[in-house]
């Protein structure tokens, strides 16, 4: 496990491998914490971090390379990010919309407390 600044270019290949849709869903591009990463040689294959939200909330983000999924790596990096958030006095929050994300969240002890509804208004309204 390595902790690296979220703006470092050492992790830039992971989003390219994962694809735009997965990167957007993960929220990894918006983290404000250092990223907790796992490598296979020089390649980053999993990363997690959090974005500090109001009221001392840490909104978690996790991304695993497509060819490395199903091996428990999301749990490893997410667990490290949760520990860092707790150490910073923040309340970890997980937005789990996909089935895989829900499985990882449940494995780490998160409980589903509700749902989120987002509405995007058209420009000019």
Protein backbone atom coordinates (compact mmCIF):
# COMPACT_ATOMS: atom_id res chain seq x y z
CA UNK A 1 0.00 0.00 0.00
CA UNK A 2 1.27 3.43 -0.91
CA UNK A 3 -0.16 6.85 -0.16
CA UNK A 4 0.43 9.45 -2.85
CA UNK A 5 -0.93 12.94 -3.59
CA UNK A 6 -4.11 12.78 -5.67
CA UNK A 7 -2.63 15.08 -8.31
CA UNK A 8 0.44 12.92 -8.89
CA UNK A 9 1.01 11.61 -12.41
CA UNK A 10 2.05 8.22 -11.01
CA UNK A 11 -1.63 7.19 -10.80
CA UNK A 12 -2.69 8.72 -14.13
CA UNK A 13 -2.70 5.42 -16.04
CA UNK A 14 -5.41 3.87 -13.84
CA UNK A 15 -8.20 6.20 -15.06
CA UNK A 16 -7.13 5.60 -18.66
CA UNK A 17 -7.36 1.83 -18.14
CA UNK A 18 -10.68 1.98 -16.30
CA UNK A 19 -12.48 4.15 -18.82
CA UNK A 20 -14.39 7.42 -18.55
CA UNK A 21 -17.67 5.93 -17.24
CA UNK A 22 -16.02 4.04 -14.36
CA UNK A 23 -13.80 7.01 -13.50
CA UNK A 24 -16.82 9.31 -13.32
CA UNK A 25 -18.80 6.83 -11.21
CA UNK A 26 -15.87 6.36 -8.83
CA UNK A 27 -15.40 10.07 -8.11
CA UNK A 28 -11.66 9.51 -7.79
CA UNK A 29 -10.87 12.64 -9.80
CA UNK A 30 -12.46 14.79 -7.07
CA UNK A 31 -10.67 13.45 -3.99
CA UNK A 32 -8.96 15.98 -1.77
CA UNK A 33 -7.08 13.42 0.31
CA UNK A 34 -3.94 11.62 -0.75
CA UNK A 35 -4.79 8.46 -2.68
CA UNK A 36 -4.18 5.04 -1.19
CA UNK A 37 -2.92 2.91 -4.08
CA UNK A 38 -1.94 -0.66 -4.84
CA UNK A 39 0.58 -1.42 -7.56
CA UNK A 40 1.42 -4.38 -9.71
CA UNK A 41 4.99 -3.54 -10.62
CA UNK A 42 4.88 0.06 -11.83
CA UNK A 43 1.16 -0.04 -12.65
CA UNK A 44 -1.42 1.35 -10.22
CA UNK A 45 -4.21 -1.23 -10.20
CA UNK A 46 -6.41 0.15 -7.39
CA UNK A 47 -6.84 3.52 -5.72
CA UNK A 48 -9.09 5.09 -3.09
CA UNK A 49 -9.38 8.36 -1.26
CA UNK A 50 -11.99 10.80 -0.09
CA UNK A 51 -13.27 14.26 -0.65
CA UNK A 52 -13.92 16.33 2.45
CA UNK A 53 -17.55 17.44 2.52
CA UNK A 54 -19.33 19.85 4.89
CA UNK A 55 -20.09 18.77 8.44
CA UNK A 56 -16.95 16.61 8.75
CA UNK A 57 -17.97 14.04 6.14
CA UNK A 58 -15.45 12.13 4.03
CA UNK A 59 -17.04 11.08 0.73
CA UNK A 60 -15.16 7.95 -0.39
CA UNK A 61 -14.02 7.15 -3.92
CA UNK A 62 -12.61 3.83 -5.15
CA UNK A 63 -11.38 2.68 -8.55
CA UNK A 64 -9.87 -0.66 -9.58
CA UNK A 65 -8.42 -1.50 -12.99
CA UNK A 66 -10.85 -3.69 -14.96
CA UNK A 67 -8.39 -6.58 -15.27
CA UNK A 68 -7.72 -6.55 -11.50
CA UNK A 69 -11.34 -6.65 -10.29
CA UNK A 70 -12.80 -9.49 -8.27
CA UNK A 71 -9.68 -9.98 -6.14
CA UNK A 72 -10.68 -7.89 -3.10
CA UNK A 73 -8.43 -4.96 -4.01
CA UNK A 74 -11.24 -2.39 -3.70
CA UNK A 75 -11.71 -3.53 -0.11
CA UNK A 76 -8.00 -3.11 0.63
CA UNK A 77 -7.63 0.43 -0.70
CA UNK A 78 -11.06 1.53 0.56
CA UNK A 79 -10.25 0.23 4.03
CA UNK A 80 -7.07 2.31 4.06
CA UNK A 81 -8.98 5.42 2.91
CA UNK A 82 -11.64 4.87 5.60
CA UNK A 83 -8.92 4.58 8.24
CA UNK A 84 -7.34 7.84 7.06
CA UNK A 85 -10.73 9.59 7.16
CA UNK A 86 -11.40 8.36 10.69
CA UNK A 87 -7.90 9.39 11.78
CA UNK A 88 -8.71 12.89 10.46
CA UNK A 89 -11.87 13.00 12.58
CA UNK A 90 -14.19 12.64 9.59
CA UNK A 91 -17.30 10.49 9.13
CA UNK A 92 -16.80 8.18 6.12
CA UNK A 93 -19.69 8.12 3.63
CA UNK A 94 -20.05 5.72 0.73
CA UNK A 95 -22.32 6.34 -2.26
CA UNK A 96 -22.84 2.83 -3.56
CA UNK A 97 -24.94 2.81 -6.69
CA UNK A 98 -23.59 -0.30 -8.42
CA UNK A 99 -23.91 -3.83 -7.10
CA UNK A 100 -20.12 -4.25 -6.85
CA UNK A 101 -19.80 -1.00 -4.92
CA UNK A 102 -22.53 -2.09 -2.51
CA UNK A 103 -20.72 -5.40 -1.89
CA UNK A 104 -17.50 -3.60 -0.97
CA UNK A 105 -19.31 -1.11 1.25
CA UNK A 106 -21.13 -3.90 3.10
CA UNK A 107 -17.88 -5.87 3.50
CA UNK A 108 -16.35 -2.81 5.20
CA UNK A 109 -19.29 -2.46 7.60
CA UNK A 110 -21.23 0.37 5.95
CA UNK A 111 -25.01 0.30 6.33
CA UNK A 112 -27.47 1.55 3.75
CA UNK A 113 -29.32 4.49 5.28
CA UNK A 114 -31.17 5.95 2.33
CA UNK A 115 -31.09 6.89 -1.29
CA UNK A 116 -29.87 9.91 -3.19
CA UNK A 117 -31.78 11.74 -5.87
CA UNK A 118 -30.03 14.24 -8.11
CA UNK A 119 -31.76 16.51 -10.58
CA UNK A 120 -29.93 18.45 -13.25
CA UNK A 121 -31.80 21.52 -14.44
CA UNK A 122 -31.50 22.50 -18.06
CA UNK A 123 -29.45 25.63 -18.81
CA UNK A 124 -31.49 28.81 -18.60
CA UNK A 125 -34.08 27.52 -16.11
